Amino acid sequence: MEVIDERVIALLKEALAFAKPNQKHLINTMSLDSRMSDLGVESIAALEMAGYLEEKLGVQFPDDELASVQTLRGLANLVHQYASAI
C-alpha cells in the first residue's frame, strides 16, 4: 500500500514551480493522478523537476525508472523509494 504524505506533495509542488514558473497556477489544481503532460511538463521540464528533487533530497533516480513516470503519483513513488529521509 502506498502512502504519499504532505511532505512529498509539497516537494512535488516546489519542483513543478521550479520547472514551470509560468504555470504556478496549476499547483493548486494538481492532484497525484495528474498526468505530467496535462501540467505542461514535457521532457525538459520533467528532467528539471527530477533534478530539483534529486538535489533537494540528495538522491539520484535511475534514468529508466524516471523515463517511465507519467503522473505525479509515479514521481512521488520514486521519491518514497529512493529518499530515505522522507
Protein backbone atom coordinates (compact mmCIF):
# COMPACT_ATOMS: atom_id res chain seq x y z
CA MET A 1 0.00 0.00 0.00
CA GLU A 2 1.43 3.36 -0.94
CA VAL A 3 1.33 6.31 1.37
CA ILE A 4 2.04 9.73 -0.07
CA ASP A 5 2.39 12.27 2.71
CA GLU A 6 2.16 16.03 2.71
CA ARG A 7 5.96 16.46 2.65
CA VAL A 8 6.20 14.66 -0.69
CA ILE A 9 3.27 16.60 -2.12
CA ALA A 10 4.92 19.86 -1.02
CA LEU A 11 8.18 18.79 -2.70
CA LEU A 12 6.32 17.97 -5.92
CA LYS A 13 4.70 21.40 -5.87
CA GLU A 14 8.10 23.05 -5.35
CA ALA A 15 9.58 21.02 -8.20
CA LEU A 16 6.70 21.92 -10.52
CA ALA A 17 7.05 25.63 -9.65
CA PHE A 18 10.80 25.37 -10.33
CA ALA A 19 10.39 23.63 -13.68
CA LYS A 20 7.35 25.58 -14.89
CA PRO A 21 7.48 29.02 -13.21
CA ASN A 22 4.98 30.47 -15.69
CA GLN A 23 2.40 27.84 -14.76
CA LYS A 24 2.36 28.18 -10.97
CA HIS A 25 -1.43 28.47 -11.14
CA LEU A 26 -1.54 24.72 -11.88
CA ILE A 27 -0.07 23.90 -8.48
CA ASN A 28 -3.38 24.45 -6.70
CA THR A 29 -5.30 22.29 -9.14
CA MET A 30 -2.85 19.41 -9.48
CA SER A 31 -3.50 16.01 -7.98
CA LEU A 32 -1.28 12.98 -7.65
CA ASP A 33 -3.11 11.46 -10.59
CA SER A 34 -2.41 14.46 -12.82
CA ARG A 35 -0.52 13.41 -15.91
CA MET A 36 2.74 15.25 -16.35
CA SER A 37 1.74 16.23 -19.89
CA ASP A 38 -1.55 17.73 -18.63
CA LEU A 39 0.51 20.03 -16.41
CA GLY A 40 2.62 21.13 -19.36
CA VAL A 41 5.54 19.04 -18.14
CA GLU A 42 7.26 17.63 -21.20
CA SER A 43 10.69 16.01 -21.32
CA ILE A 44 12.88 19.01 -20.43
CA ALA A 45 10.60 20.20 -17.63
CA ALA A 46 10.37 16.64 -16.31
CA LEU A 47 14.17 16.48 -16.14
CA GLU A 48 14.22 19.84 -14.37
CA MET A 49 11.69 18.57 -11.83
CA ALA A 50 13.67 15.39 -11.28
CA GLY A 51 16.91 17.34 -10.96
CA TYR A 52 15.32 19.65 -8.41
CA LEU A 53 14.12 16.68 -6.35
CA GLU A 54 17.44 14.85 -6.65
CA GLU A 55 19.36 17.89 -5.44
CA LYS A 56 16.91 18.64 -2.64
CA LEU A 57 16.89 15.03 -1.41
CA GLY A 58 20.48 14.04 -2.18
CA VAL A 59 19.44 11.09 -4.34
CA GLN A 60 19.65 10.05 -7.96
CA PHE A 61 16.73 8.42 -9.70
CA PRO A 62 17.53 5.69 -12.26
CA ASP A 63 17.02 7.04 -15.78
CA ASP A 64 14.89 4.09 -16.88
CA GLU A 65 12.50 4.47 -13.95
CA LEU A 66 12.33 8.23 -14.37
CA ALA A 67 11.56 7.84 -18.08
CA SER A 68 8.52 5.71 -17.28
CA VAL A 69 6.93 8.26 -14.92
CA GLN A 70 3.74 9.67 -16.40
CA THR A 71 1.93 11.04 -13.34
CA LEU A 72 2.83 12.96 -10.22
CA ARG A 73 1.98 9.81 -8.26
CA GLY A 74 4.68 7.96 -10.19
CA LEU A 75 7.19 10.66 -9.32
CA ALA A 76 6.06 10.61 -5.68
CA ASN A 77 6.59 6.85 -5.60
CA LEU A 78 10.17 7.34 -6.83
CA VAL A 79 10.73 9.89 -4.08
CA HIS A 80 9.50 7.41 -1.48
CA GLN A 81 11.54 4.59 -2.95
CA TYR A 82 14.87 6.41 -3.17
CA ALA A 83 14.77 9.09 -0.47
CA SER A 84 15.15 7.54 2.95
CA ALA A 85 14.69 10.91 4.67
CA ILE A 86 11.08 11.09 3.53
